Amino acid sequence: MRRTTLGPFEVSRLCLGAMLMGGATPADQARAMVDRFVDSGGNFVDTADVYGDGASERTLAPWLARHRDRVVLATKVRFGVSDPGGEGLSPERIRAACEASLRRLGVDTIDLYQVHAPDPAVPLEDTLAALDGLVRAGKVRALGASNFPAWLLAWAVATQDREGWAPFVSLQPQYSLVERTAELELLPLCRAAGLGVLPWGPLGAGFLTGRYRRDRMPADGRVSTAPGDLEEAADRRATERNFRVVDAATEIAERHGRPVAQVALAWLLGVPGVTAPIIGPRTPAQLEDLLGATDLDLEDAERARLSEPAPPPDVSPHRMLRDQIGLPDVPTLRRHRPTTPT
């Protein structure tokens, strides 16, 4: 499997998401899937304390006890869990949540510790200072964010630069062929500031696997069963424009003799700034369908065919800046950054 750089790490171009491990995926099967992922060349595993109220982290612990040095290990903090209790990003809770994750995972250090979502009840500076403290203490090697809007991510990055605090090295946004709003501001910001992008939901909650058709919505699928307030709810996901994306992906998959899901992942992997989509297979068979995506190189015409049906919204001021001023994405951004701890 191909690899790339993320902050201080060399990571595989696919990240194995562990959200279902210890829940929908039984523990023994989950650990066998990690074995298969690593044997295929993968070395990047992502979980969170909230997944199964710690069950995912506990499921990974026996595997990590034998193979800790084989993976870059990422987890997250923000949402409510029974240990340490409560929720949010106050400094005290961040420190307690980190200790709880370390215990559940059975490790001394978390490679990538990520803020799962913002907490408007806590000053951003307090959260960032606490995260910096974890890096200085050696509990965490690097920091990331997830589900941050661009304005808040920019505020955080600027604050870390100004204070000399440990920086975010990555962002986890929702991003796929059927959810492309990240292209408006998040991706340009990450490219300019040098943050890696770890898309979650890269298959649109299974919508881009080939299982969904206009006349065939699997009754047990996540899109079919999702409540209306979730991102993958059927009225948001199963639209005509999104089905046209599936049509295009199916045609290209047949041409290459590959699963539809690999085509969707290969498109993401070709987007500048994308580091590693996070795949979340429930079964070993689903994992096998995804592993070859990093070796699939799409032609420009194929990428255009996939991109055409469901582009990001054309909004102001982006449209004006592009059409009237010719302002492109900024490939790099000059930043005054004090020396930060390693």
C-alpha atoms as a PDB file:
ATOM      1  CA  MET A   1       0.000   0.000   0.000  1.00  0.00           C
ATOM      2  CA  ARG A   2       1.323   3.448  -0.856  1.00  0.00           C
ATOM      3  CA  ARG A   3       2.378   5.791   1.941  1.00  0.00           C
ATOM      4  CA  THR A   4       2.728   9.515   2.510  1.00  0.00           C
ATOM      5  CA  THR A   5       3.702  12.018   5.205  1.00  0.00           C
ATOM      6  CA  LEU A   6       1.389  13.312   7.940  1.00  0.00           C
ATOM      7  CA  GLY A   7       3.079  15.662  10.399  1.00  0.00           C
ATOM      8  CA  PRO A   8       5.925  13.646  11.954  1.00  0.00           C
ATOM      9  CA  PHE A   9       4.571  10.330  10.662  1.00  0.00           C
ATOM     10  CA  GLU A  10       4.767   8.195   7.551  1.00  0.00           C
ATOM     11  CA  VAL A  11       1.264   6.778   7.086  1.00  0.00           C
ATOM     12  CA  SER A  12      -0.504   4.509   4.628  1.00  0.00           C
ATOM     13  CA  ARG A  13      -2.812   6.197   2.130  1.00  0.00           C
ATOM     14  CA  LEU A  14      -5.761   4.406   3.682  1.00  0.00           C
ATOM     15  CA  CYS A  15      -6.566   4.708   7.378  1.00  0.00           C
ATOM     16  CA  LEU A  16      -8.457   1.872   9.060  1.00  0.00           C
ATOM     17  CA  GLY A  17     -11.363   3.272  11.052  1.00  0.00           C
ATOM     18  CA  ALA A  18     -12.269   1.272  14.154  1.00  0.00           C
ATOM     19  CA  MET A  19     -15.685   2.772  14.921  1.00  0.00           C
ATOM     20  CA  LEU A  20     -17.501  -0.572  14.594  1.00  0.00           C
ATOM     21  CA  MET A  21     -14.882  -2.695  16.346  1.00  0.00           C
ATOM     22  CA  GLY A  22     -16.143  -4.268  19.532  1.00  0.00           C
ATOM     23  CA  GLY A  23     -19.716  -3.534  18.473  1.00  0.00           C
ATOM     24  CA  ALA A  24     -21.080  -4.481  15.058  1.00  0.00           C
ATOM     25  CA  THR A  25     -17.707  -6.126  14.385  1.00  0.00           C
ATOM     26  CA  PRO A  26     -16.904  -8.752  17.057  1.00  0.00           C
ATOM     27  CA  ALA A  27     -13.558  -8.341  18.811  1.00  0.00           C
ATOM     28  CA  ASP A  28     -11.833 -11.411  17.351  1.00  0.00           C
ATOM     29  CA  GLN A  29     -12.928 -10.500  13.842  1.00  0.00           C
ATOM     30  CA  ALA A  30     -11.870  -6.896  14.378  1.00  0.00           C
ATOM     31  CA  ARG A  31      -8.343  -7.877  15.387  1.00  0.00           C
ATOM     32  CA  ALA A  32      -8.093 -10.217  12.390  1.00  0.00           C
ATOM     33  CA  MET A  33      -9.035  -7.271  10.184  1.00  0.00           C
ATOM     34  CA  VAL A  34      -6.272  -5.153  11.684  1.00  0.00           C
ATOM     35  CA  ASP A  35      -3.867  -8.006  10.939  1.00  0.00           C
ATOM     36  CA  ARG A  36      -5.018  -8.106   7.332  1.00  0.00           C
ATOM     37  CA  PHE A  37      -4.800  -4.329   6.980  1.00  0.00           C
ATOM     38  CA  VAL A  38      -1.232  -4.263   8.302  1.00  0.00           C
ATOM     39  CA  ASP A  39      -0.213  -7.257   6.191  1.00  0.00           C
ATOM     40  CA  SER A  40      -1.426  -5.348   3.124  1.00  0.00           C
ATOM     41  CA  GLY A  41       0.896  -2.450   3.972  1.00  0.00           C
ATOM     42  CA  GLY A  42      -1.456  -0.311   6.061  1.00  0.00           C
ATOM     43  CA  ASN A  43      -0.122   1.290   9.219  1.00  0.00           C
ATOM     44  CA  PHE A  44      -2.685   3.936  10.242  1.00  0.00           C
ATOM     45  CA  VAL A  45      -5.570   3.127  12.635  1.00  0.00           C
ATOM     46  CA  ASP A  46      -8.172   5.628  13.864  1.00  0.00           C
ATOM     47  CA  THR A  47     -10.605   5.266  16.752  1.00  0.00           C
ATOM     48  CA  ALA A  48     -12.297   7.476  19.382  1.00  0.00           C
ATOM     49  CA  ASP A  49     -13.209   7.194  23.033  1.00  0.00           C
ATOM     50  CA  VAL A  50     -16.899   7.566  22.188  1.00  0.00           C
ATOM     51  CA  TYR A  51     -16.997   4.564  19.839  1.00  0.00           C
ATOM     52  CA  GLY A  52     -18.941   2.001  21.834  1.00  0.00           C
ATOM     53  CA  ASP A  53     -18.241   4.017  25.007  1.00  0.00           C
ATOM     54  CA  GLY A  54     -14.635   2.840  24.924  1.00  0.00           C
ATOM     55  CA  ALA A  55     -15.327  -0.583  23.395  1.00  0.00           C
ATOM     56  CA  SER A  56     -13.350   0.180  20.229  1.00  0.00           C
ATOM     57  CA  GLU A  57     -10.263   1.252  22.186  1.00  0.00           C
ATOM     58  CA  ARG A  58     -10.521  -1.801  24.452  1.00  0.00           C
ATOM     59  CA  THR A  59     -10.865  -4.077  21.430  1.00  0.00           C
ATOM     60  CA  LEU A  60      -7.648  -2.729  19.933  1.00  0.00           C
ATOM     61  CA  ALA A  61      -5.675  -3.104  23.175  1.00  0.00           C
ATOM     62  CA  PRO A  62      -4.727  -6.815  22.891  1.00  0.00           C
ATOM     63  CA  TRP A  63      -3.556  -6.303  19.304  1.00  0.00           C
ATOM     64  CA  LEU A  64      -1.562  -3.219  20.284  1.00  0.00           C
ATOM     65  CA  ALA A  65       0.076  -5.114  23.129  1.00  0.00           C
ATOM     66  CA  ARG A  66       1.741  -7.304  20.509  1.00  0.00           C
ATOM     67  CA  HIS A  67       2.176  -4.876  17.615  1.00  0.00           C
ATOM     68  CA  ARG A  68       2.299  -1.311  18.958  1.00  0.00           C
ATOM     69  CA  ASP A  69       5.249  -0.304  16.776  1.00  0.00           C
ATOM     70  CA  ARG A  70       3.505  -1.351  13.553  1.00  0.00           C
ATOM     71  CA  VAL A  71       0.846   1.378  13.479  1.00  0.00           C
ATOM     72  CA  VAL A  72       0.312   5.094  13.808  1.00  0.00           C
ATOM     73  CA  LEU A  73      -2.478   5.193  16.395  1.00  0.00           C
ATOM     74  CA  ALA A  74      -5.105   7.941  16.412  1.00  0.00           C
ATOM     75  CA  THR A  75      -7.995   8.532  18.792  1.00  0.00           C
ATOM     76  CA  LYS A  76     -10.300  11.434  19.678  1.00  0.00           C
ATOM     77  CA  VAL A  77     -11.861  13.367  22.550  1.00  0.00           C
ATOM     78  CA  ARG A  78     -15.012  15.500  22.915  1.00  0.00           C
ATOM     79  CA  PHE A  79     -18.215  13.489  23.255  1.00  0.00           C
ATOM     80  CA  GLY A  80     -19.749  11.895  26.321  1.00  0.00           C
ATOM     81  CA  VAL A  81     -18.267   8.654  27.692  1.00  0.00           C
ATOM     82  CA  SER A  82     -18.619   6.904  31.032  1.00  0.00           C
ATOM     83  CA  ASP A  83     -14.865   7.087  31.728  1.00  0.00           C
ATOM     84  CA  PRO A  84     -13.963   9.821  32.647  1.00  0.00           C
ATOM     85  CA  GLY A  85     -17.594  10.886  32.478  1.00  0.00           C
ATOM     86  CA  GLY A  86     -19.151  14.006  31.072  1.00  0.00           C
ATOM     87  CA  GLU A  87     -18.264  15.562  27.761  1.00  0.00           C
ATOM     88  CA  GLY A  88     -16.561  18.569  26.257  1.00  0.00           C
ATOM     89  CA  LEU A  89     -13.120  20.109  25.923  1.00  0.00           C
ATOM     90  CA  SER A  90     -12.330  21.757  29.227  1.00  0.00           C
ATOM     91  CA  PRO A  91      -8.648  21.363  30.136  1.00  0.00           C
ATOM     92  CA  GLU A  92      -9.422  19.094  33.075  1.00  0.00           C
ATOM     93  CA  ARG A  93     -11.592  16.814  31.002  1.00  0.00           C
ATOM     94  CA  ILE A  94      -9.099  16.652  28.122  1.00  0.00           C
ATOM     95  CA  ARG A  95      -6.382  15.524  30.518  1.00  0.00           C
ATOM     96  CA  ALA A  96      -8.660  12.948  32.157  1.00  0.00           C
ATOM     97  CA  ALA A  97      -9.976  11.684  28.804  1.00  0.00           C
ATOM     98  CA  CYS A  98      -6.454  11.251  27.470  1.00  0.00           C
ATOM     99  CA  GLU A  99      -5.471   9.194  30.522  1.00  0.00           C
ATOM    100  CA  ALA A 100      -8.609   7.063  30.092  1.00  0.00           C
ATOM    101  CA  SER A 101      -7.834   6.415  26.421  1.00  0.00           C
ATOM    102  CA  LEU A 102      -4.248   5.484  27.267  1.00  0.00           C
ATOM    103  CA  ARG A 103      -5.535   2.962  29.827  1.00  0.00           C
ATOM    104  CA  ARG A 104      -8.116   1.453  27.502  1.00  0.00           C
ATOM    105  CA  LEU A 105      -5.648   1.182  24.624  1.00  0.00           C
ATOM    106  CA  GLY A 106      -2.897  -0.138  26.893  1.00  0.00           C
ATOM    107  CA  VAL A 107      -0.294   2.234  25.454  1.00  0.00           C
ATOM    108  CA  ASP A 108       2.053   4.875  26.832  1.00  0.00           C
ATOM    109  CA  THR A 109       1.609   7.397  24.033  1.00  0.00           C
ATOM    110  CA  ILE A 110      -1.103   8.292  21.521  1.00  0.00           C
ATOM    111  CA  ASP A 111       0.387   9.185  18.146  1.00  0.00           C
ATOM    112  CA  LEU A 112      -2.408  11.474  16.924  1.00  0.00           C
ATOM    113  CA  TYR A 113      -4.852  12.912  19.479  1.00  0.00           C
ATOM    114  CA  GLN A 114      -7.771  14.641  17.805  1.00  0.00           C
ATOM    115  CA  VAL A 115     -10.490  17.013  18.941  1.00  0.00           C
ATOM    116  CA  HIS A 116     -13.624  15.226  17.703  1.00  0.00           C
ATOM    117  CA  ALA A 117     -15.674  18.442  17.353  1.00  0.00           C
ATOM    118  CA  PRO A 118     -15.631  21.988  18.752  1.00  0.00           C
ATOM    119  CA  ASP A 119     -16.934  22.828  22.220  1.00  0.00           C
ATOM    120  CA  PRO A 120     -18.491  26.327  22.268  1.00  0.00           C
ATOM    121  CA  ALA A 121     -18.720  26.254  26.075  1.00  0.00           C
ATOM    122  CA  VAL A 122     -14.917  26.355  26.486  1.00  0.00           C
ATOM    123  CA  PRO A 123     -12.591  29.111  25.239  1.00  0.00           C
ATOM    124  CA  LEU A 124     -10.636  27.765  22.295  1.00  0.00           C
ATOM    125  CA  GLU A 125      -7.378  28.969  23.812  1.00  0.00           C
ATOM    126  CA  ASP A 126      -7.967  26.862  26.949  1.00  0.00           C
ATOM    127  CA  THR A 127      -8.498  23.750  24.857  1.00  0.00           C
ATOM    128  CA  LEU A 128      -5.412  24.352  22.726  1.00  0.00           C
ATOM    129  CA  ALA A 129      -3.229  25.034  25.760  1.00  0.00           C
ATOM    130  CA  ALA A 130      -4.351  21.757  27.359  1.00  0.00           C
ATOM    131  CA  LEU A 131      -3.591  19.827  24.184  1.00  0.00           C
ATOM    132  CA  ASP A 132      -0.159  21.435  24.025  1.00  0.00           C
ATOM    133  CA  GLY A 133       0.414  20.263  27.589  1.00  0.00           C
ATOM    134  CA  LEU A 134      -0.253  16.665  26.584  1.00  0.00           C
ATOM    135  CA  VAL A 135       2.383  16.901  23.861  1.00  0.00           C
ATOM    136  CA  ARG A 136       4.922  18.463  26.236  1.00  0.00           C
ATOM    137  CA  ALA A 137       4.204  15.712  28.767  1.00  0.00           C
ATOM    138  CA  GLY A 138       4.872  12.987  26.183  1.00  0.00           C
ATOM    139  CA  LYS A 139       1.330  11.605  26.396  1.00  0.00           C
ATOM    140  CA  VAL A 140       0.633  12.571  22.776  1.00  0.00           C
ATOM    141  CA  ARG A 141       2.943  12.939  19.777  1.00  0.00           C
ATOM    142  CA  ALA A 142       0.795  15.130  17.492  1.00  0.00           C
ATOM    143  CA  LEU A 143      -2.608  16.819  17.392  1.00  0.00           C
ATOM    144  CA  GLY A 144      -5.515  16.937  14.967  1.00  0.00           C
ATOM    145  CA  ALA A 145      -9.039  18.292  14.641  1.00  0.00           C
ATOM    146  CA  SER A 146     -12.269  16.864  13.302  1.00  0.00           C
ATOM    147  CA  ASN A 147     -15.510  18.491  12.198  1.00  0.00           C
ATOM    148  CA  PHE A 148     -14.179  22.041  12.560  1.00  0.00           C
ATOM    149  CA  PRO A 149     -15.568  24.737  10.267  1.00  0.00           C
ATOM    150  CA  ALA A 150     -12.890  26.603   8.337  1.00  0.00           C
ATOM    151  CA  TRP A 151     -13.186  29.827  10.337  1.00  0.00           C
ATOM    152  CA  LEU A 152     -12.592  28.020  13.634  1.00  0.00           C
ATOM    153  CA  LEU A 153      -9.776  25.885  12.249  1.00  0.00           C
ATOM    154  CA  ALA A 154      -8.053  29.039  10.979  1.00  0.00           C
ATOM    155  CA  TRP A 155      -8.467  30.639  14.408  1.00  0.00           C
ATOM    156  CA  ALA A 156      -6.976  27.563  16.065  1.00  0.00           C
ATOM    157  CA  VAL A 157      -4.010  27.351  13.678  1.00  0.00           C
ATOM    158  CA  ALA A 158      -3.245  31.057  14.099  1.00  0.00           C
ATOM    159  CA  THR A 159      -3.482  30.787  17.886  1.00  0.00           C
ATOM    160  CA  GLN A 160      -1.130  27.805  17.987  1.00  0.00           C
ATOM    161  CA  ASP A 161       1.343  29.681  15.792  1.00  0.00           C
ATOM    162  CA  ARG A 162       1.183  32.814  17.935  1.00  0.00           C
ATOM    163  CA  GLU A 163       1.557  31.028  21.262  1.00  0.00           C
ATOM    164  CA  GLY A 164       4.135  28.494  20.115  1.00  0.00           C
ATOM    165  CA  TRP A 165       1.828  25.633  21.049  1.00  0.00           C
ATOM    166  CA  ALA A 166       1.881  22.196  19.441  1.00  0.00           C
ATOM    167  CA  PRO A 167       0.052  22.589  16.108  1.00  0.00           C
ATOM    168  CA  PHE A 168      -2.740  20.661  14.502  1.00  0.00           C
ATOM    169  CA  VAL A 169      -1.224  18.486  11.781  1.00  0.00           C
ATOM    170  CA  SER A 170      -4.496  17.128  10.392  1.00  0.00           C
ATOM    171  CA  LEU A 171      -8.206  17.651   9.895  1.00  0.00           C
ATOM    172  CA  GLN A 172     -10.912  15.003   9.649  1.00  0.00           C
ATOM    173  CA  PRO A 173     -13.769  16.454   7.564  1.00  0.00           C
ATOM    174  CA  GLN A 174     -16.680  14.667   5.955  1.00  0.00           C
ATOM    175  CA  TYR A 175     -15.651  14.396   2.299  1.00  0.00           C
ATOM    176  CA  SER A 176     -16.673  12.127  -0.553  1.00  0.00           C
ATOM    177  CA  LEU A 177     -17.936  12.241  -4.110  1.00  0.00           C
ATOM    178  CA  VAL A 178     -21.426  12.901  -2.726  1.00  0.00           C
ATOM    179  CA  GLU A 179     -20.408  15.443  -0.034  1.00  0.00           C
ATOM    180  CA  ARG A 180     -17.974  17.970  -1.432  1.00  0.00           C
ATOM    181  CA  THR A 181     -18.546  21.163   0.544  1.00  0.00           C
ATOM    182  CA  ALA A 182     -15.075  20.671   2.087  1.00  0.00           C
ATOM    183  CA  GLU A 183     -13.683  21.863  -1.254  1.00  0.00           C
ATOM    184  CA  LEU A 184     -14.985  25.397  -0.692  1.00  0.00           C
ATOM    185  CA  GLU A 185     -12.849  26.427   2.296  1.00  0.00           C
ATOM    186  CA  LEU A 186     -11.547  23.487   4.326  1.00  0.00           C
ATOM    187  CA  LEU A 187      -9.339  21.924   1.665  1.00  0.00           C
ATOM    188  CA  PRO A 188      -7.792  25.228   0.520  1.00  0.00           C
ATOM    189  CA  LEU A 189      -7.094  26.112   4.163  1.00  0.00           C
ATOM    190  CA  CYS A 190      -5.499  22.747   4.902  1.00  0.00           C
ATOM    191  CA  ARG A 191      -3.357  22.900   1.774  1.00  0.00           C
ATOM    192  CA  ALA A 192      -2.255  26.452   2.585  1.00  0.00           C
ATOM    193  CA  ALA A 193      -1.504  25.737   6.245  1.00  0.00           C
ATOM    194  CA  GLY A 194       0.088  22.331   5.644  1.00  0.00           C
ATOM    195  CA  LEU A 195      -2.500  20.195   7.435  1.00  0.00           C
ATOM    196  CA  GLY A 196      -3.180  16.684   6.200  1.00  0.00           C
ATOM    197  CA  VAL A 197      -6.772  15.805   5.321  1.00  0.00           C
ATOM    198  CA  LEU A 198      -8.276  12.546   6.600  1.00  0.00           C
ATOM    199  CA  PRO A 199     -11.754  12.286   5.043  1.00  0.00           C
ATOM    200  CA  TRP A 200     -14.372  10.456   7.064  1.00  0.00           C
ATOM    201  CA  GLY A 201     -17.380   9.010   5.283  1.00  0.00           C
ATOM    202  CA  PRO A 202     -15.362   8.591   2.049  1.00  0.00           C
ATOM    203  CA  LEU A 203     -17.975   6.148   0.722  1.00  0.00           C
ATOM    204  CA  GLY A 204     -20.970   8.254   1.744  1.00  0.00           C
ATOM    205  CA  ALA A 205     -21.966   5.776   4.506  1.00  0.00           C
ATOM    206  CA  GLY A 206     -21.926   2.928   2.006  1.00  0.00           C
ATOM    207  CA  PHE A 207     -23.765   4.813  -0.721  1.00  0.00           C
ATOM    208  CA  LEU A 208     -20.696   4.613  -2.978  1.00  0.00           C
ATOM    209  CA  THR A 209     -20.179   0.861  -2.654  1.00  0.00           C
ATOM    210  CA  GLY A 210     -22.495  -0.107  -5.513  1.00  0.00           C
ATOM    211  CA  ARG A 211     -25.177  -1.544  -3.219  1.00  0.00           C
ATOM    212  CA  TYR A 212     -27.526   1.404  -3.670  1.00  0.00           C
ATOM    213  CA  ARG A 213     -29.580   1.852  -6.817  1.00  0.00           C
ATOM    214  CA  ARG A 214     -32.599   3.963  -7.619  1.00  0.00           C
ATOM    215  CA  ASP A 215     -34.754   0.837  -7.530  1.00  0.00           C
ATOM    216  CA  ARG A 216     -32.800  -1.024  -4.857  1.00  0.00           C
ATOM    217  CA  MET A 217     -32.146   0.450  -1.443  1.00  0.00           C
ATOM    218  CA  PRO A 218     -30.832  -2.286   0.883  1.00  0.00           C
ATOM    219  CA  ALA A 219     -33.089  -2.413   3.915  1.00  0.00           C
ATOM    220  CA  ASP A 220     -30.180  -2.983   6.299  1.00  0.00           C
ATOM    221  CA  GLY A 221     -27.922  -0.260   4.869  1.00  0.00           C
ATOM    222  CA  ARG A 222     -26.888   2.787   6.861  1.00  0.00           C
ATOM    223  CA  VAL A 223     -28.503   5.179   4.402  1.00  0.00           C
ATOM    224  CA  SER A 224     -31.770   3.249   4.528  1.00  0.00           C
ATOM    225  CA  THR A 225     -31.887   3.162   8.325  1.00  0.00           C
ATOM    226  CA  ALA A 226     -30.332   6.510   9.305  1.00  0.00           C
ATOM    227  CA  PRO A 227     -32.536   8.967  11.238  1.00  0.00           C
ATOM    228  CA  GLY A 228     -33.268  12.252   9.513  1.00  0.00           C
ATOM    229  CA  ASP A 229     -30.773  14.252  11.568  1.00  0.00           C
ATOM    230  CA  LEU A 230     -27.741  12.225  10.446  1.00  0.00           C
ATOM    231  CA  GLU A 231     -25.522  13.160   7.524  1.00  0.00           C
ATOM    232  CA  GLU A 232     -26.320   9.923   5.682  1.00  0.00           C
ATOM    233  CA  ALA A 233     -30.110  10.208   5.985  1.00  0.00           C
ATOM    234  CA  ALA A 234     -31.830   8.928   2.845  1.00  0.00           C
ATOM    235  CA  ASP A 235     -33.429  12.243   1.893  1.00  0.00           C
ATOM    236  CA  ARG A 236     -29.984  13.856   1.959  1.00  0.00           C
ATOM    237  CA  ARG A 237     -27.970  11.051   0.381  1.00  0.00           C
ATOM    238  CA  ALA A 238     -30.266   9.144  -2.017  1.00  0.00           C
ATOM    239  CA  THR A 239     -30.830  12.007  -4.459  1.00  0.00           C
ATOM    240  CA  GLU A 240     -30.852  11.901  -8.245  1.00  0.00           C
ATOM    241  CA  ARG A 241     -27.582  13.817  -8.554  1.00  0.00           C
ATOM    242  CA  ASN A 242     -25.890  11.385  -6.173  1.00  0.00           C
ATOM    243  CA  PHE A 243     -27.247   8.395  -8.070  1.00  0.00           C
ATOM    244  CA  ARG A 244     -25.613   9.866 -11.177  1.00  0.00           C
ATOM    245  CA  VAL A 245     -22.305   9.692  -9.294  1.00  0.00           C
ATOM    246  CA  VAL A 246     -22.964   5.999  -8.620  1.00  0.00           C
ATOM    247  CA  ASP A 247     -23.719   5.499 -12.315  1.00  0.00           C
ATOM    248  CA  ALA A 248     -20.371   7.017 -13.267  1.00  0.00           C
ATOM    249  CA  ALA A 249     -18.457   5.076 -10.614  1.00  0.00           C
ATOM    250  CA  THR A 250     -20.089   1.828 -11.717  1.00  0.00           C
ATOM    251  CA  GLU A 251     -19.127   2.384 -15.355  1.00  0.00           C
ATOM    252  CA  ILE A 252     -15.514   3.142 -14.440  1.00  0.00           C
ATOM    253  CA  ALA A 253     -15.328   0.221 -11.986  1.00  0.00           C
ATOM    254  CA  GLU A 254     -16.482  -2.185 -14.695  1.00  0.00           C
ATOM    255  CA  ARG A 255     -13.872  -0.779 -17.068  1.00  0.00           C
ATOM    256  CA  HIS A 256     -11.089  -1.414 -14.552  1.00  0.00           C
ATOM    257  CA  GLY A 257     -12.476  -4.661 -13.157  1.00  0.00           C
ATOM    258  CA  ARG A 258     -12.555  -3.159  -9.651  1.00  0.00           C
ATOM    259  CA  PRO A 259     -15.197  -2.748  -6.924  1.00  0.00           C
ATOM    260  CA  VAL A 260     -17.165   0.497  -7.121  1.00  0.00           C
ATOM    261  CA  ALA A 261     -15.890   1.502  -3.684  1.00  0.00           C
ATOM    262  CA  GLN A 262     -12.286   1.444  -4.892  1.00  0.00           C
ATOM    263  CA  VAL A 263     -13.147   3.926  -7.638  1.00  0.00           C
ATOM    264  CA  ALA A 264     -14.697   6.320  -5.106  1.00  0.00           C
ATOM    265  CA  LEU A 265     -11.623   6.047  -2.877  1.00  0.00           C
ATOM    266  CA  ALA A 266      -9.214   6.419  -5.798  1.00  0.00           C
ATOM    267  CA  TRP A 267     -10.944   9.679  -6.764  1.00  0.00           C
ATOM    268  CA  LEU A 268     -10.418  11.022  -3.232  1.00  0.00           C
ATOM    269  CA  LEU A 269      -6.803   9.874  -3.179  1.00  0.00           C
ATOM    270  CA  GLY A 270      -6.159  11.977  -6.268  1.00  0.00           C
ATOM    271  CA  VAL A 271      -7.411  15.216  -4.662  1.00  0.00           C
ATOM    272  CA  PRO A 272      -4.473  17.481  -3.754  1.00  0.00           C
ATOM    273  CA  GLY A 273      -4.067  17.660   0.001  1.00  0.00           C
ATOM    274  CA  VAL A 274      -5.918  14.445   0.846  1.00  0.00           C
ATOM    275  CA  THR A 275      -3.681  12.257   2.980  1.00  0.00           C
ATOM    276  CA  ALA A 276      -5.669   9.129   3.851  1.00  0.00           C
ATOM    277  CA  PRO A 277      -9.407   8.470   3.638  1.00  0.00           C
ATOM    278  CA  ILE A 278     -10.710   6.664   6.720  1.00  0.00           C
ATOM    279  CA  ILE A 279     -12.362   3.391   5.752  1.00  0.00           C
ATOM    280  CA  GLY A 280     -14.682   1.705   8.235  1.00  0.00           C
ATOM    281  CA  PRO A 281     -15.430  -1.828   7.040  1.00  0.00           C
ATOM    282  CA  ARG A 282     -17.721  -3.945   9.190  1.00  0.00           C
ATOM    283  CA  THR A 283     -16.563  -7.322   7.858  1.00  0.00           C
ATOM    284  CA  PRO A 284     -13.370  -8.852   6.428  1.00  0.00           C
ATOM    285  CA  ALA A 285     -15.061  -9.110   3.026  1.00  0.00           C
ATOM    286  CA  GLN A 286     -15.773  -5.370   3.033  1.00  0.00           C
ATOM    287  CA  LEU A 287     -12.147  -4.693   3.937  1.00  0.00           C
ATOM    288  CA  GLU A 288     -10.929  -6.782   1.000  1.00  0.00           C
ATOM    289  CA  ASP A 289     -13.069  -4.720  -1.360  1.00  0.00           C
ATOM    290  CA  LEU A 290     -11.255  -1.560  -0.294  1.00  0.00           C
ATOM    291  CA  LEU A 291      -7.590  -2.472   0.067  1.00  0.00           C
ATOM    292  CA  GLY A 292      -6.630  -2.096  -3.588  1.00  0.00           C
ATOM    293  CA  ALA A 293      -7.799   1.495  -3.905  1.00  0.00           C
ATOM    294  CA  THR A 294      -4.357   3.045  -3.456  1.00  0.00           C
ATOM    295  CA  ASP A 295      -3.099   1.198  -6.537  1.00  0.00           C
ATOM    296  CA  LEU A 296      -5.886   2.441  -8.814  1.00  0.00           C
ATOM    297  CA  ASP A 297      -4.852   5.480 -10.845  1.00  0.00           C
ATOM    298  CA  LEU A 298      -7.757   7.132 -12.608  1.00  0.00           C
ATOM    299  CA  GLU A 299      -7.379   8.973 -15.900  1.00  0.00           C
ATOM    300  CA  ASP A 300      -8.203  12.683 -16.032  1.00  0.00           C
ATOM    301  CA  ALA A 301     -11.324  11.964 -18.088  1.00  0.00           C
ATOM    302  CA  GLU A 302     -12.498   9.446 -15.499  1.00  0.00           C
ATOM    303  CA  ARG A 303     -11.954  11.923 -12.666  1.00  0.00           C
ATOM    304  CA  ALA A 304     -13.942  14.524 -14.589  1.00  0.00           C
ATOM    305  CA  ARG A 305     -16.758  12.035 -15.205  1.00  0.00           C
ATOM    306  CA  LEU A 306     -16.952  11.302 -11.475  1.00  0.00           C
ATOM    307  CA  SER A 307     -16.744  14.962 -10.479  1.00  0.00           C
ATOM    308  CA  GLU A 308     -19.429  16.316 -12.807  1.00  0.00           C
ATOM    309  CA  PRO A 309     -22.729  15.095 -11.277  1.00  0.00           C
ATOM    310  CA  ALA A 310     -22.460  16.430  -7.695  1.00  0.00           C
ATOM    311  CA  PRO A 311     -20.057  19.362  -7.446  1.00  0.00           C
ATOM    312  CA  PRO A 312     -19.818  21.586  -4.356  1.00  0.00           C
ATOM    313  CA  PRO A 313     -22.286  24.496  -4.339  1.00  0.00           C
ATOM    314  CA  ASP A 314     -21.280  27.522  -6.415  1.00  0.00           C
ATOM    315  CA  VAL A 315     -21.500  30.315  -3.839  1.00  0.00           C
ATOM    316  CA  SER A 316     -20.231  33.797  -3.094  1.00  0.00           C
ATOM    317  CA  PRO A 317     -17.536  35.005  -2.601  1.00  0.00           C
ATOM    318  CA  HIS A 318     -15.870  31.920  -4.071  1.00  0.00           C
ATOM    319  CA  ARG A 319     -17.540  32.353  -7.451  1.00  0.00           C
ATOM    320  CA  MET A 320     -16.630  36.047  -7.650  1.00  0.00           C
ATOM    321  CA  LEU A 321     -13.025  35.489  -6.589  1.00  0.00           C
ATOM    322  CA  ARG A 322     -12.606  32.726  -9.136  1.00  0.00           C
ATOM    323  CA  ASP A 323     -14.414  34.256 -12.117  1.00  0.00           C
ATOM    324  CA  GLN A 324     -13.728  37.980 -11.693  1.00  0.00           C
ATOM    325  CA  ILE A 325     -10.331  38.010 -10.015  1.00  0.00           C
ATOM    326  CA  GLY A 326      -8.901  34.637 -11.037  1.00  0.00           C
ATOM    327  CA  LEU A 327      -7.870  33.839  -7.472  1.00  0.00           C
ATOM    328  CA  PRO A 328      -6.658  30.233  -7.261  1.00  0.00           C
ATOM    329  CA  ASP A 329      -6.215  28.046  -4.206  1.00  0.00           C
ATOM    330  CA  VAL A 330      -3.126  29.129  -2.281  1.00  0.00           C
ATOM    331  CA  PRO A 331      -0.721  26.153  -2.484  1.00  0.00           C
ATOM    332  CA  THR A 332       1.362  27.317   0.490  1.00  0.00           C
ATOM    333  CA  LEU A 333       0.956  30.006   3.124  1.00  0.00           C
ATOM    334  CA  ARG A 334       3.818  31.975   4.641  1.00  0.00           C
ATOM    335  CA  ARG A 335       3.570  31.610   8.411  1.00  0.00           C
ATOM    336  CA  HIS A 336       5.643  32.886  11.322  1.00  0.00           C
ATOM    337  CA  ARG A 337       5.764  29.871  13.579  1.00  0.00           C
ATOM    338  CA  PRO A 338       7.759  29.733  16.819  1.00  0.00           C
ATOM    339  CA  THR A 339       9.651  26.555  17.528  1.00  0.00           C
ATOM    340  CA  THR A 340       7.255  23.934  18.934  1.00  0.00           C
ATOM    341  CA  PRO A 341       8.085  20.845  20.998  1.00  0.00           C
ATOM    342  CA  THR A 342       8.817  17.634  19.146  1.00  0.00           C
END
